[in-house]
Amino acid sequence: PIDGQVNVCIRASAASTKNPMRFGLLVERKLRELEDLEEPDQKDTTNAHHHALSKVEEETSTLRQMMYSILKEADFAKQREQAFHAQSQHMNAASMWWPIVQLGFLLCMGFTQVSNITGFFKSRHII
């Protein structure tokens, strides 16, 4: 197998920093056997052993990649849940103080209206 680095650039028009998009990319690597370089009598025994070992290695690698993908997805879900929880707490705190501010504003408006009405009636000598 040849190891190397591959860069992939994917652009989604609907994605943004506030609305990220998640996508999957499955990359498979096929192992090539070097049958032509071996001698014919060794080819049968070595080929079977190498094939079985490479199959086990390939399955192990696939399972490891799947496990890594699942863990990354769980971490992503955890981060999204933390952001949602922080947003919910902020909204809860804001909704707790809003009625208090509204009540204070209504009391000030009521006091102002009462004092203006009593001042109006006193100026007209109605009271």
C-alpha atoms as a PDB file:
ATOM      1  CA  PRO A   1       0.000   0.000   0.000  1.00  0.00           C
ATOM      2  CA  ILE A   2       1.111   3.519  -0.740  1.00  0.00           C
ATOM      3  CA  ASP A   3       0.696   6.033   2.024  1.00  0.00           C
ATOM      4  CA  GLY A   4       0.130   9.640   1.185  1.00  0.00           C
ATOM      5  CA  GLN A   5      -1.860  12.730   1.827  1.00  0.00           C
ATOM      6  CA  VAL A   6      -4.903  13.670  -0.211  1.00  0.00           C
ATOM      7  CA  ASN A   7      -6.553  17.097  -0.106  1.00  0.00           C
ATOM      8  CA  VAL A   8     -10.221  17.291  -0.999  1.00  0.00           C
ATOM      9  CA  CYS A   9     -12.057  20.598  -1.392  1.00  0.00           C
ATOM     10  CA  ILE A  10     -15.843  20.455  -1.258  1.00  0.00           C
ATOM     11  CA  ARG A  11     -18.034  23.534  -1.568  1.00  0.00           C
ATOM     12  CA  ALA A  12     -21.712  23.621  -0.683  1.00  0.00           C
ATOM     13  CA  SER A  13     -23.612  26.771  -1.613  1.00  0.00           C
ATOM     14  CA  ALA A  14     -26.111  26.374   1.244  1.00  0.00           C
ATOM     15  CA  ALA A  15     -23.401  26.064   3.928  1.00  0.00           C
ATOM     16  CA  SER A  16     -22.209  28.996   6.030  1.00  0.00           C
ATOM     17  CA  THR A  17     -20.507  29.560   9.369  1.00  0.00           C
ATOM     18  CA  LYS A  18     -23.896  29.807  11.096  1.00  0.00           C
ATOM     19  CA  ASN A  19     -25.437  26.931   9.153  1.00  0.00           C
ATOM     20  CA  PRO A  20     -22.739  24.275   8.661  1.00  0.00           C
ATOM     21  CA  MET A  21     -23.428  21.234   6.543  1.00  0.00           C
ATOM     22  CA  ARG A  22     -22.172  17.778   7.351  1.00  0.00           C
ATOM     23  CA  PHE A  23     -21.314  15.264   4.690  1.00  0.00           C
ATOM     24  CA  GLY A  24     -19.616  11.907   4.502  1.00  0.00           C
ATOM     25  CA  LEU A  25     -16.773  10.813   2.330  1.00  0.00           C
ATOM     26  CA  LEU A  26     -15.866   7.147   2.087  1.00  0.00           C
ATOM     27  CA  VAL A  27     -12.377   6.414   0.841  1.00  0.00           C
ATOM     28  CA  GLU A  28     -11.359   2.806   0.370  1.00  0.00           C
ATOM     29  CA  ARG A  29      -7.857   1.593  -0.112  1.00  0.00           C
ATOM     30  CA  LYS A  30      -7.282  -1.663  -1.958  1.00  0.00           C
ATOM     31  CA  LEU A  31      -4.224  -3.710  -1.106  1.00  0.00           C
ATOM     32  CA  ARG A  32      -2.330  -5.118  -4.072  1.00  0.00           C
ATOM     33  CA  GLU A  33      -0.535  -8.400  -3.788  1.00  0.00           C
ATOM     34  CA  LEU A  34       2.853  -8.849  -5.380  1.00  0.00           C
ATOM     35  CA  GLU A  35       2.192 -12.228  -6.981  1.00  0.00           C
ATOM     36  CA  ASP A  36       4.456 -11.686  -9.942  1.00  0.00           C
ATOM     37  CA  LEU A  37       7.580 -11.250  -7.832  1.00  0.00           C
ATOM     38  CA  GLU A  38       7.274 -14.517  -5.912  1.00  0.00           C
ATOM     39  CA  GLU A  39       8.448 -17.918  -7.035  1.00  0.00           C
ATOM     40  CA  PRO A  40       5.703 -20.294  -8.261  1.00  0.00           C
ATOM     41  CA  ASP A  41       6.067 -22.885  -5.441  1.00  0.00           C
ATOM     42  CA  GLN A  42       6.057 -20.240  -2.714  1.00  0.00           C
ATOM     43  CA  LYS A  43       3.222 -18.367  -4.360  1.00  0.00           C
ATOM     44  CA  ASP A  44       0.456 -20.718  -3.163  1.00  0.00           C
ATOM     45  CA  THR A  45       1.410 -20.888   0.526  1.00  0.00           C
ATOM     46  CA  THR A  46       2.543 -17.300   0.857  1.00  0.00           C
ATOM     47  CA  ASN A  47      -0.381 -15.966  -1.148  1.00  0.00           C
ATOM     48  CA  ALA A  48      -2.982 -17.686   1.061  1.00  0.00           C
ATOM     49  CA  HIS A  49      -1.262 -16.520   4.256  1.00  0.00           C
ATOM     50  CA  HIS A  50      -0.751 -12.999   2.917  1.00  0.00           C
ATOM     51  CA  HIS A  51      -4.323 -12.832   1.646  1.00  0.00           C
ATOM     52  CA  ALA A  52      -5.758 -13.945   5.010  1.00  0.00           C
ATOM     53  CA  LEU A  53      -3.512 -11.537   6.892  1.00  0.00           C
ATOM     54  CA  SER A  54      -4.266  -8.670   4.561  1.00  0.00           C
ATOM     55  CA  LYS A  55      -8.013  -9.373   4.876  1.00  0.00           C
ATOM     56  CA  VAL A  56      -7.742  -9.247   8.680  1.00  0.00           C
ATOM     57  CA  GLU A  57      -5.650  -6.081   8.471  1.00  0.00           C
ATOM     58  CA  GLU A  58      -8.125  -4.553   6.039  1.00  0.00           C
ATOM     59  CA  GLU A  59     -11.101  -5.398   8.275  1.00  0.00           C
ATOM     60  CA  THR A  60      -9.239  -4.070  11.328  1.00  0.00           C
ATOM     61  CA  SER A  61      -8.435  -0.879   9.485  1.00  0.00           C
ATOM     62  CA  THR A  62     -12.044  -0.522   8.353  1.00  0.00           C
ATOM     63  CA  LEU A  63     -13.335  -1.067  11.889  1.00  0.00           C
ATOM     64  CA  ARG A  64     -10.807   1.414  13.259  1.00  0.00           C
ATOM     65  CA  GLN A  65     -11.874   4.020  10.692  1.00  0.00           C
ATOM     66  CA  MET A  66     -15.543   3.419  11.449  1.00  0.00           C
ATOM     67  CA  MET A  67     -14.886   3.761  15.181  1.00  0.00           C
ATOM     68  CA  TYR A  68     -12.965   6.990  14.592  1.00  0.00           C
ATOM     69  CA  SER A  69     -15.829   8.298  12.445  1.00  0.00           C
ATOM     70  CA  ILE A  70     -18.397   7.428  15.118  1.00  0.00           C
ATOM     71  CA  LEU A  71     -16.319   9.139  17.802  1.00  0.00           C
ATOM     72  CA  LYS A  72     -15.920  12.266  15.662  1.00  0.00           C
ATOM     73  CA  GLU A  73     -19.664  12.321  15.027  1.00  0.00           C
ATOM     74  CA  ALA A  74     -20.338  11.946  18.762  1.00  0.00           C
ATOM     75  CA  ASP A  75     -17.953  14.825  19.502  1.00  0.00           C
ATOM     76  CA  PHE A  76     -19.719  16.959  16.893  1.00  0.00           C
ATOM     77  CA  ALA A  77     -23.112  16.134  18.427  1.00  0.00           C
ATOM     78  CA  LYS A  78     -21.747  16.960  21.883  1.00  0.00           C
ATOM     79  CA  GLN A  79     -20.489  20.359  20.698  1.00  0.00           C
ATOM     80  CA  ARG A  80     -23.832  21.149  19.077  1.00  0.00           C
ATOM     81  CA  GLU A  81     -25.643  20.118  22.277  1.00  0.00           C
ATOM     82  CA  GLN A  82     -23.357  22.345  24.369  1.00  0.00           C
ATOM     83  CA  ALA A  83     -24.018  25.311  22.082  1.00  0.00           C
ATOM     84  CA  PHE A  84     -27.776  24.667  22.214  1.00  0.00           C
ATOM     85  CA  HIS A  85     -27.658  24.347  26.022  1.00  0.00           C
ATOM     86  CA  ALA A  86     -25.769  27.655  26.363  1.00  0.00           C
ATOM     87  CA  GLN A  87     -28.270  29.357  24.056  1.00  0.00           C
ATOM     88  CA  SER A  88     -31.189  27.920  26.051  1.00  0.00           C
ATOM     89  CA  GLN A  89     -29.709  29.143  29.349  1.00  0.00           C
ATOM     90  CA  HIS A  90     -29.151  32.620  27.913  1.00  0.00           C
ATOM     91  CA  MET A  91     -32.716  32.751  26.604  1.00  0.00           C
ATOM     92  CA  ASN A  92     -34.055  31.501  29.947  1.00  0.00           C
ATOM     93  CA  ALA A  93     -32.141  34.215  31.836  1.00  0.00           C
ATOM     94  CA  ALA A  94     -33.424  36.865  29.430  1.00  0.00           C
ATOM     95  CA  SER A  95     -37.001  35.648  29.721  1.00  0.00           C
ATOM     96  CA  MET A  96     -36.720  35.692  33.522  1.00  0.00           C
ATOM     97  CA  TRP A  97     -35.723  39.384  33.680  1.00  0.00           C
ATOM     98  CA  TRP A  98     -38.054  40.636  30.955  1.00  0.00           C
ATOM     99  CA  PRO A  99     -41.288  40.541  33.039  1.00  0.00           C
ATOM    100  CA  ILE A 100     -39.543  42.404  35.873  1.00  0.00           C
ATOM    101  CA  VAL A 101     -38.395  45.149  33.481  1.00  0.00           C
ATOM    102  CA  GLN A 102     -41.861  45.292  31.932  1.00  0.00           C
ATOM    103  CA  LEU A 103     -43.514  45.603  35.354  1.00  0.00           C
ATOM    104  CA  GLY A 104     -41.140  48.409  36.353  1.00  0.00           C
ATOM    105  CA  PHE A 105     -41.873  50.242  33.105  1.00  0.00           C
ATOM    106  CA  LEU A 106     -45.642  49.873  33.617  1.00  0.00           C
ATOM    107  CA  LEU A 107     -45.379  51.208  37.202  1.00  0.00           C
ATOM    108  CA  CYS A 108     -43.395  54.241  36.012  1.00  0.00           C
ATOM    109  CA  MET A 109     -45.912  54.920  33.223  1.00  0.00           C
ATOM    110  CA  GLY A 110     -48.821  54.549  35.652  1.00  0.00           C
ATOM    111  CA  PHE A 111     -47.241  56.923  38.174  1.00  0.00           C
ATOM    112  CA  THR A 112     -46.502  59.452  35.408  1.00  0.00           C
ATOM    113  CA  GLN A 113     -50.057  59.304  34.055  1.00  0.00           C
ATOM    114  CA  VAL A 114     -51.631  59.634  37.499  1.00  0.00           C
ATOM    115  CA  SER A 115     -49.462  62.625  38.362  1.00  0.00           C
ATOM    116  CA  ASN A 116     -50.228  64.287  35.003  1.00  0.00           C
ATOM    117  CA  ILE A 117     -53.976  63.720  35.368  1.00  0.00           C
ATOM    118  CA  THR A 118     -54.047  65.040  38.967  1.00  0.00           C
ATOM    119  CA  GLY A 119     -51.972  68.041  37.875  1.00  0.00           C
ATOM    120  CA  PHE A 120     -54.400  68.696  35.021  1.00  0.00           C
ATOM    121  CA  PHE A 121     -57.434  68.527  37.320  1.00  0.00           C
ATOM    122  CA  LYS A 122     -55.747  70.747  39.934  1.00  0.00           C
ATOM    123  CA  SER A 123     -54.839  73.335  37.289  1.00  0.00           C
ATOM    124  CA  ARG A 124     -58.454  73.471  36.113  1.00  0.00           C
ATOM    125  CA  HIS A 125     -59.679  73.586  39.750  1.00  0.00           C
ATOM    126  CA  ILE A 126     -61.804  70.478  39.206  1.00  0.00           C
ATOM    127  CA  ILE A 127     -60.470  68.714  42.305  1.00  0.00           C
END
